[in-house]
Amino acid sequence: YESSFGFVSPDRQSKAEKYHRENDKKLSVLSGILLSFALRSEGFDIHPSICTGPHGKPYLKDREFNFNISHSATRAICAVTSPSYEIGCAIEAYTKCDVRVAERVFEKQEQKRLESFSGEDADVLFTRMWTRKESYFKCMGIGISAIGTKQMNGYSFYEYSGFPGYSCSICLKTDAVFDPEFIEVTPEDIRSLF
């Protein structure tokens, strides 16, 4: 993955190096490459200044657009929107339903819904509920530290099902329903940028 360092900002390189597992380092670099792809597609510098909010949410210094990135197992995503909206995204490989985590993270009604499922169906629902909540916290810019926050009014969600074995959720700060455009970036697309 070190050969890909030239394609990402020094900030992303530093972030990637903080991961302990090699796969997470690679996915962190890939996330940065996806952001570079989005920037280049919109006609911007591919190595912008990235700042972080008080809870670590990244944003572009000049606010050309808002973005959020996420990665899990073998997938990475980058969600972008105009500067008028806040955005959060989360992707997670299907995870075994963990009752202790559910009790800490999910509201009572969510826990009851989860209890009505078992086996693989419970795992899928658990992961879908987790990514939806994570995308919301990331959109708000407060991260997972906001467990217990109940207010979701003024936010819209979209779940993408194009990655078998994964749950992917995008949250946008708007009351309007949105229909995002998904672009799968291939290695050839990335090579064409640089």
Protein backbone atom coordinates (compact mmCIF):
# COMPACT_ATOMS: atom_id res chain seq x y z
CA TYR A 1 0.00 0.00 0.00
CA GLU A 2 2.97 2.33 0.48
CA SER A 3 3.25 2.67 -3.31
CA SER A 4 -0.18 4.35 -3.19
CA PHE A 5 0.97 7.01 -0.73
CA GLY A 6 1.72 9.45 -3.56
CA PHE A 7 -1.95 9.42 -4.50
CA VAL A 8 -3.19 10.67 -1.14
CA SER A 9 -2.61 13.71 1.04
CA PRO A 10 -0.05 13.73 3.85
CA ASP A 11 -3.01 13.87 6.28
CA ARG A 12 -4.38 10.59 4.87
CA GLN A 13 -0.92 9.01 4.92
CA SER A 14 -0.59 9.87 8.60
CA LYS A 15 -4.07 8.56 9.37
CA ALA A 16 -3.35 5.29 7.54
CA GLU A 17 -0.15 4.76 9.50
CA LYS A 18 -2.07 4.93 12.81
CA TYR A 19 -3.97 1.73 12.04
CA HIS A 20 -2.49 -1.45 13.50
CA ARG A 21 -3.81 -3.94 10.95
CA GLU A 22 -2.33 -3.88 7.46
CA ASN A 23 -5.75 -4.24 5.83
CA ASP A 24 -7.07 -1.15 7.65
CA LYS A 25 -4.02 0.82 6.49
CA LYS A 26 -4.73 -0.19 2.90
CA LEU A 27 -8.42 0.69 3.17
CA SER A 28 -7.57 4.04 4.72
CA VAL A 29 -5.33 4.85 1.75
CA LEU A 30 -8.05 3.61 -0.63
CA SER A 31 -10.55 5.92 1.10
CA GLY A 32 -8.20 8.82 0.45
CA ILE A 33 -7.86 7.78 -3.19
CA LEU A 34 -11.65 7.74 -3.50
CA LEU A 35 -11.74 11.28 -2.12
CA SER A 36 -9.05 12.31 -4.63
CA PHE A 37 -11.17 10.73 -7.38
CA ALA A 38 -14.22 12.74 -6.27
CA LEU A 39 -12.19 15.94 -6.10
CA ARG A 40 -10.66 15.43 -9.55
CA SER A 41 -14.08 14.54 -10.99
CA GLU A 42 -15.37 17.90 -9.76
CA GLY A 43 -12.34 19.80 -11.04
CA PHE A 44 -10.60 20.42 -7.69
CA ASP A 45 -7.06 19.86 -6.45
CA ILE A 46 -6.65 16.21 -5.50
CA HIS A 47 -4.61 17.04 -2.38
CA PRO A 48 -6.70 19.64 -0.54
CA SER A 49 -6.24 20.91 2.97
CA ILE A 50 -8.41 18.77 5.20
CA CYS A 51 -9.45 20.09 8.59
CA THR A 52 -11.33 18.34 11.37
CA GLY A 53 -14.17 19.50 13.55
CA PRO A 54 -14.12 19.32 17.35
CA HIS A 55 -15.03 15.61 17.32
CA GLY A 56 -12.81 14.65 14.38
CA LYS A 57 -15.20 14.99 11.43
CA PRO A 58 -13.11 15.83 8.37
CA TYR A 59 -13.97 18.69 6.05
CA LEU A 60 -12.28 20.54 3.21
CA LYS A 61 -10.67 23.78 4.33
CA ASP A 62 -12.25 25.74 1.46
CA ARG A 63 -15.55 23.80 1.69
CA GLU A 64 -15.81 23.07 -2.04
CA PHE A 65 -18.13 20.24 -1.00
CA ASN A 66 -18.75 18.08 2.04
CA PHE A 67 -17.64 14.49 2.23
CA ASN A 68 -17.39 11.50 4.50
CA ILE A 69 -15.54 8.22 4.14
CA SER A 70 -15.83 4.78 5.67
CA HIS A 71 -14.26 1.36 5.21
CA SER A 72 -14.72 -2.19 6.43
CA ALA A 73 -13.18 -5.58 5.57
CA THR A 74 -12.56 -5.24 1.80
CA ARG A 75 -14.66 -2.20 0.89
CA ALA A 76 -14.26 1.57 1.14
CA ILE A 77 -16.76 4.31 0.33
CA CYS A 78 -16.62 8.07 -0.09
CA ALA A 79 -19.84 10.09 0.01
CA VAL A 80 -19.87 13.67 -1.26
CA THR A 81 -22.45 16.43 -1.41
CA SER A 82 -22.69 20.15 -2.01
CA PRO A 83 -21.50 22.48 0.77
CA SER A 84 -25.16 23.15 1.61
CA TYR A 85 -25.56 19.76 3.29
CA GLU A 86 -23.80 17.77 5.97
CA ILE A 87 -23.22 14.11 5.11
CA GLY A 88 -22.21 10.95 6.91
CA CYS A 89 -21.66 7.43 5.63
CA ALA A 90 -20.90 4.05 7.09
CA ILE A 91 -20.14 0.65 5.61
CA GLU A 92 -19.77 -2.53 7.61
CA ALA A 93 -19.37 -6.17 6.68
CA TYR A 94 -22.23 -8.13 8.20
CA THR A 95 -21.41 -8.57 11.86
CA LYS A 96 -22.63 -11.10 14.38
CA CYS A 97 -25.48 -9.62 16.40
CA ASP A 98 -24.08 -8.65 19.79
CA VAL A 99 -26.81 -8.25 22.42
CA ARG A 100 -24.52 -6.29 24.78
CA VAL A 101 -23.69 -3.77 22.06
CA ALA A 102 -27.36 -3.56 21.07
CA GLU A 103 -28.33 -2.77 24.67
CA ARG A 104 -25.74 0.04 24.78
CA VAL A 105 -26.30 1.50 21.32
CA PHE A 106 -29.90 0.95 20.28
CA GLU A 107 -33.12 2.41 21.67
CA LYS A 108 -35.61 0.05 23.38
CA GLN A 109 -37.85 -0.16 20.29
CA GLU A 110 -34.83 -1.01 18.12
CA GLN A 111 -33.78 -3.71 20.60
CA LYS A 112 -37.28 -5.21 20.53
CA ARG A 113 -37.24 -5.29 16.74
CA LEU A 114 -33.83 -6.96 16.78
CA GLU A 115 -35.03 -9.56 19.31
CA SER A 116 -37.73 -10.65 16.85
CA PHE A 117 -35.04 -11.95 14.47
CA SER A 118 -32.55 -14.77 14.86
CA GLY A 119 -29.48 -16.18 13.16
CA GLU A 120 -28.29 -14.56 9.96
CA ASP A 121 -31.41 -12.34 9.77
CA ALA A 122 -30.52 -10.85 13.17
CA ASP A 123 -26.91 -10.31 12.04
CA VAL A 124 -28.03 -8.45 8.90
CA LEU A 125 -30.53 -6.31 10.81
CA PHE A 126 -27.99 -5.56 13.56
CA THR A 127 -25.46 -4.40 10.96
CA ARG A 128 -28.04 -2.32 9.06
CA MET A 129 -29.15 -0.61 12.27
CA TRP A 130 -25.52 -0.02 13.27
CA THR A 131 -24.52 1.58 9.94
CA ARG A 132 -27.61 3.77 9.92
CA LYS A 133 -26.81 5.04 13.41
CA GLU A 134 -23.12 5.48 12.62
CA SER A 135 -23.86 7.44 9.44
CA TYR A 136 -26.16 9.71 11.46
CA PHE A 137 -23.52 10.41 14.13
CA LYS A 138 -20.91 11.05 11.46
CA CYS A 139 -23.27 13.40 9.62
CA MET A 140 -23.83 15.33 12.85
CA GLY A 141 -20.07 15.48 13.31
CA ILE A 142 -20.20 14.04 16.82
CA GLY A 143 -19.16 10.47 16.18
CA ILE A 144 -20.24 7.41 18.08
CA SER A 145 -19.77 9.27 21.37
CA ALA A 146 -23.35 10.48 20.95
CA ILE A 147 -24.88 7.13 21.87
CA GLY A 148 -28.25 7.82 23.40
CA THR A 149 -29.09 10.68 21.04
CA LYS A 150 -32.67 10.12 19.95
CA GLN A 151 -33.36 13.06 17.64
CA MET A 152 -33.20 12.10 13.98
CA ASN A 153 -35.66 14.67 12.61
CA GLY A 154 -34.21 16.75 9.79
CA TYR A 155 -32.06 13.88 8.50
CA SER A 156 -32.66 11.54 5.56
CA PHE A 157 -31.14 8.11 5.06
CA TYR A 158 -30.32 5.95 2.11
CA GLU A 159 -29.24 2.34 2.32
CA TYR A 160 -27.19 0.97 -0.53
CA SER A 161 -27.45 -2.77 -1.13
CA GLY A 162 -24.97 -3.09 -3.99
CA PHE A 163 -22.26 -4.75 -1.90
CA PRO A 164 -23.24 -8.34 -1.02
CA GLY A 165 -22.34 -9.14 2.59
CA TYR A 166 -22.22 -5.47 3.60
CA SER A 167 -24.52 -2.83 4.95
CA CYS A 168 -23.98 0.70 3.64
CA SER A 169 -25.86 3.76 4.91
CA ILE A 170 -25.67 7.41 3.91
CA CYS A 171 -27.19 10.17 6.04
CA LEU A 172 -27.83 13.68 4.75
CA LYS A 173 -28.93 16.62 6.87
CA THR A 174 -32.16 17.42 5.06
CA ASP A 175 -35.86 16.67 5.38
CA ALA A 176 -36.02 15.90 1.66
CA VAL A 177 -35.81 12.38 0.30
CA PHE A 178 -32.66 11.99 -1.75
CA ASP A 179 -31.60 9.50 -4.37
CA PRO A 180 -27.81 9.41 -4.53
CA GLU A 181 -25.79 8.50 -7.56
CA PHE A 182 -23.38 5.63 -6.96
CA ILE A 183 -20.18 5.39 -8.94
CA GLU A 184 -18.08 2.28 -8.59
CA VAL A 185 -14.46 3.28 -9.02
CA THR A 186 -12.25 0.70 -10.70
CA PRO A 187 -8.46 0.46 -10.56
CA GLU A 188 -8.42 1.74 -14.16
CA ASP A 189 -10.41 4.83 -13.08
CA ILE A 190 -7.86 5.51 -10.35
CA ARG A 191 -4.88 5.06 -12.68
CA SER A 192 -6.44 7.51 -15.15
CA LEU A 193 -6.39 10.22 -12.48
CA PHE A 194 -2.67 10.19 -11.90
